Amino acid sequence: MSFTPQNLSELKVLMQFNSSTSLEGIKIHKSAAPELIAAAQHLHAGGFITQVDGGYLTQLGIETAEHAHSLFYLLNSGDHE
């Protein structure tokens, strides 16, 4: 099992959010990379974000973004032995 390119784009979008608050949103502009636009659309369809072009995290999105941030920090911590 491995991450698909779409999964990686979705993770990139989720990493743009501040997962510690639901009061900060993002906007994916029309000039963004097509894969990021598609990722935002897919995240919206899945109920992770409130708008097709970003918006705010839903409760599901907050939980998912927290996991994404945790995974990122674990993989990049440098404390692996």
Protein backbone atom coordinates (compact mmCIF):
# COMPACT_ATOMS: atom_id res chain seq x y z
CA MET A 1 0.00 0.00 0.00
CA SER A 2 1.28 3.45 -0.82
CA PHE A 3 0.10 7.02 -1.08
CA THR A 4 -1.25 8.01 -4.48
CA PRO A 5 -0.26 11.32 -6.07
CA GLN A 6 -3.79 12.53 -5.23
CA ASN A 7 -3.29 11.57 -1.57
CA LEU A 8 -0.04 13.52 -1.47
CA SER A 9 -1.73 16.58 -2.98
CA GLU A 10 -4.52 16.31 -0.41
CA LEU A 11 -1.94 16.13 2.36
CA LYS A 12 -0.25 19.25 0.95
CA VAL A 13 -3.56 21.10 1.10
CA LEU A 14 -4.33 19.87 4.64
CA MET A 15 -0.86 20.96 5.79
CA GLN A 16 -1.73 24.55 4.82
CA PHE A 17 -4.40 24.69 7.52
CA ASN A 18 -3.78 25.51 11.17
CA SER A 19 -5.31 22.39 12.69
CA SER A 20 -5.41 23.88 16.19
CA THR A 21 -8.26 26.24 15.29
CA SER A 22 -11.33 26.22 13.10
CA LEU A 23 -11.17 30.02 12.78
CA GLU A 24 -8.42 30.14 10.15
CA GLY A 25 -9.15 29.14 6.59
CA ILE A 26 -7.29 29.03 3.29
CA LYS A 27 -8.06 29.89 -0.32
CA ILE A 28 -6.79 27.83 -3.24
CA HIS A 29 -6.51 30.33 -6.07
CA LYS A 30 -7.39 29.59 -9.69
CA SER A 31 -3.71 29.98 -10.54
CA ALA A 32 -2.66 27.18 -8.15
CA ALA A 33 -1.27 23.92 -9.48
CA PRO A 34 -4.04 21.81 -11.02
CA GLU A 35 -3.34 18.92 -8.65
CA LEU A 36 -3.90 21.20 -5.63
CA ILE A 37 -7.15 22.51 -7.07
CA ALA A 38 -8.30 18.92 -7.64
CA ALA A 39 -7.19 17.94 -4.14
CA ALA A 40 -9.23 20.76 -2.59
CA GLN A 41 -12.26 19.72 -4.62
CA HIS A 42 -11.86 16.12 -3.46
CA LEU A 43 -11.41 17.17 0.18
CA HIS A 44 -14.58 19.26 -0.08
CA ALA A 45 -16.52 16.36 -1.61
CA GLY A 46 -15.30 14.14 1.24
CA GLY A 47 -16.47 16.59 3.89
CA PHE A 48 -13.02 17.64 5.10
CA ILE A 49 -13.25 21.32 4.10
CA THR A 50 -16.16 23.72 3.79
CA GLN A 51 -15.54 25.16 0.32
CA VAL A 52 -14.47 23.67 -2.98
CA ASP A 53 -11.52 26.10 -3.04
CA GLY A 54 -10.51 25.79 0.61
CA GLY A 55 -12.56 27.59 3.21
CA TYR A 56 -12.36 26.12 6.68
CA LEU A 57 -11.77 22.67 8.10
CA THR A 58 -14.81 20.69 9.17
CA GLN A 59 -14.56 18.62 12.36
CA LEU A 60 -13.45 15.66 10.23
CA GLY A 61 -10.94 17.95 8.52
CA ILE A 62 -9.54 19.16 11.83
CA GLU A 63 -8.93 15.61 13.00
CA THR A 64 -7.40 14.64 9.66
CA ALA A 65 -5.16 17.72 9.51
CA GLU A 66 -3.96 17.00 13.06
CA HIS A 67 -2.95 13.51 11.94
CA ALA A 68 -1.25 14.92 8.84
CA HIS A 69 0.74 17.40 10.93
CA SER A 70 1.70 14.66 13.41
CA LEU A 71 2.87 12.37 10.63
CA PHE A 72 4.90 15.18 9.08
CA TYR A 73 6.62 16.02 12.37
CA LEU A 74 7.31 12.37 13.19
CA LEU A 75 8.87 11.73 9.78
CA ASN A 76 10.96 14.89 9.97
CA SER A 77 11.98 14.88 13.63
CA GLY A 78 15.49 13.56 13.11
CA ASP A 79 15.21 11.54 16.32
CA HIS A 80 14.90 8.20 14.57
CA GLU A 81 17.04 5.43 15.94
